Amino acid sequence: MSPGLVRATALVSLVGCLLLVLHALVLGLHVEGTPRALEDAARGEQVALPAVLGAVLAVGALLGARHRRAAAAAAVLALLLGAAALVINLAG
């Protein structure tokens, strides 16, 4: 992968994962203890785990540009984790 493609993939992954993390936070912020609120909070936790890992990998890919193979692998893994978080969010 070219360095520009790795950087673009990492940036798209970072933005997407951060949006999913914010969405997971909103799902988890409930004042009432209704069953629906508890289900939303549980789904928020399921979405947040791959989204946070994807964001960390995307930052690692952006910072580790010298190591091209490692940065490319981190960018692709970040993209896959972001996609997994999105699928979990849409399926629930």
Protein backbone atom coordinates (compact mmCIF):
# COMPACT_ATOMS: atom_id res chain seq x y z
CA MET A 1 0.00 0.00 0.00
CA SER A 2 1.19 3.48 -0.73
CA PRO A 3 1.72 5.82 2.24
CA GLY A 4 -1.09 8.10 1.04
CA LEU A 5 -3.55 5.22 0.87
CA VAL A 6 -2.53 4.02 4.33
CA ARG A 7 -2.98 7.53 5.73
CA ALA A 8 -6.37 7.94 4.05
CA THR A 9 -7.56 4.54 5.26
CA ALA A 10 -6.40 5.32 8.78
CA LEU A 11 -8.11 8.73 8.78
CA VAL A 12 -11.41 7.33 7.51
CA SER A 13 -11.21 4.54 10.08
CA LEU A 14 -10.41 7.00 12.86
CA VAL A 15 -13.33 9.29 12.04
CA GLY A 16 -15.75 6.39 11.67
CA CYS A 17 -14.62 4.71 14.88
CA LEU A 18 -14.81 7.96 16.85
CA LEU A 19 -18.35 8.53 15.61
CA LEU A 20 -19.28 5.01 16.69
CA VAL A 21 -17.69 5.59 20.11
CA LEU A 22 -19.76 8.75 20.53
CA HIS A 23 -22.87 6.85 19.48
CA ALA A 24 -22.07 4.12 22.01
CA LEU A 25 -21.69 6.76 24.71
CA VAL A 26 -25.08 8.20 23.85
CA LEU A 27 -26.61 4.72 24.01
CA GLY A 28 -25.13 4.21 27.46
CA LEU A 29 -26.28 7.55 28.91
CA HIS A 30 -29.64 6.83 30.48
CA VAL A 31 -30.98 8.14 33.74
CA GLU A 32 -33.86 5.75 34.14
CA GLY A 33 -33.50 2.05 34.86
CA THR A 34 -36.06 0.75 32.40
CA PRO A 35 -35.43 -2.51 30.53
CA ARG A 36 -35.10 -0.60 27.24
CA ALA A 37 -32.43 1.66 28.74
CA LEU A 38 -30.52 -1.36 30.01
CA GLU A 39 -30.68 -3.00 26.56
CA ASP A 40 -29.41 0.19 24.93
CA ALA A 41 -26.55 0.38 27.41
CA ALA A 42 -25.60 -3.24 26.74
CA ARG A 43 -25.66 -2.62 22.98
CA GLY A 44 -23.55 0.49 23.50
CA GLU A 45 -20.92 -1.61 25.26
CA GLN A 46 -20.93 -4.12 22.39
CA VAL A 47 -20.45 -1.33 19.85
CA ALA A 48 -17.82 0.52 21.88
CA LEU A 49 -15.32 -2.32 22.21
CA PRO A 50 -14.44 -2.79 18.52
CA ALA A 51 -14.83 0.94 17.86
CA VAL A 52 -12.30 1.91 20.54
CA LEU A 53 -9.86 -0.77 19.39
CA GLY A 54 -10.27 0.45 15.80
CA ALA A 55 -9.62 4.05 16.84
CA VAL A 56 -6.47 3.05 18.71
CA LEU A 57 -5.22 1.08 15.71
CA ALA A 58 -6.00 3.97 13.38
CA VAL A 59 -3.98 6.34 15.53
CA GLY A 60 -1.19 3.77 15.60
CA ALA A 61 -1.29 3.56 11.81
CA LEU A 62 -1.09 7.34 11.53
CA LEU A 63 1.81 7.58 13.97
CA GLY A 64 3.69 4.55 12.66
CA ALA A 65 4.09 5.74 9.09
CA ARG A 66 7.77 4.78 9.03
CA HIS A 67 6.96 1.10 9.35
CA ARG A 68 4.90 0.72 6.21
CA ARG A 69 3.79 -2.87 6.61
CA ALA A 70 2.80 -2.44 10.24
CA ALA A 71 0.98 0.83 9.49
CA ALA A 72 -0.85 -0.75 6.56
CA ALA A 73 -1.88 -3.74 8.69
CA ALA A 74 -3.04 -1.45 11.50
CA ALA A 75 -5.05 0.70 9.07
CA VAL A 76 -6.77 -2.32 7.54
CA LEU A 77 -7.51 -3.82 10.96
CA ALA A 78 -8.91 -0.47 12.12
CA LEU A 79 -11.17 -0.39 9.09
CA LEU A 80 -12.36 -3.95 9.75
CA LEU A 81 -13.01 -3.24 13.43
CA GLY A 82 -14.95 -0.11 12.52
CA ALA A 83 -17.03 -2.11 10.06
CA ALA A 84 -17.65 -4.78 12.72
CA ALA A 85 -18.80 -2.12 15.19
CA LEU A 86 -21.14 -0.69 12.56
CA VAL A 87 -22.61 -4.12 11.82
CA ILE A 88 -23.12 -4.76 15.55
CA ASN A 89 -24.84 -1.39 15.85
CA LEU A 90 -27.13 -1.96 12.89
CA ALA A 91 -27.97 -5.54 13.87
CA GLY A 92 -29.11 -4.61 17.37
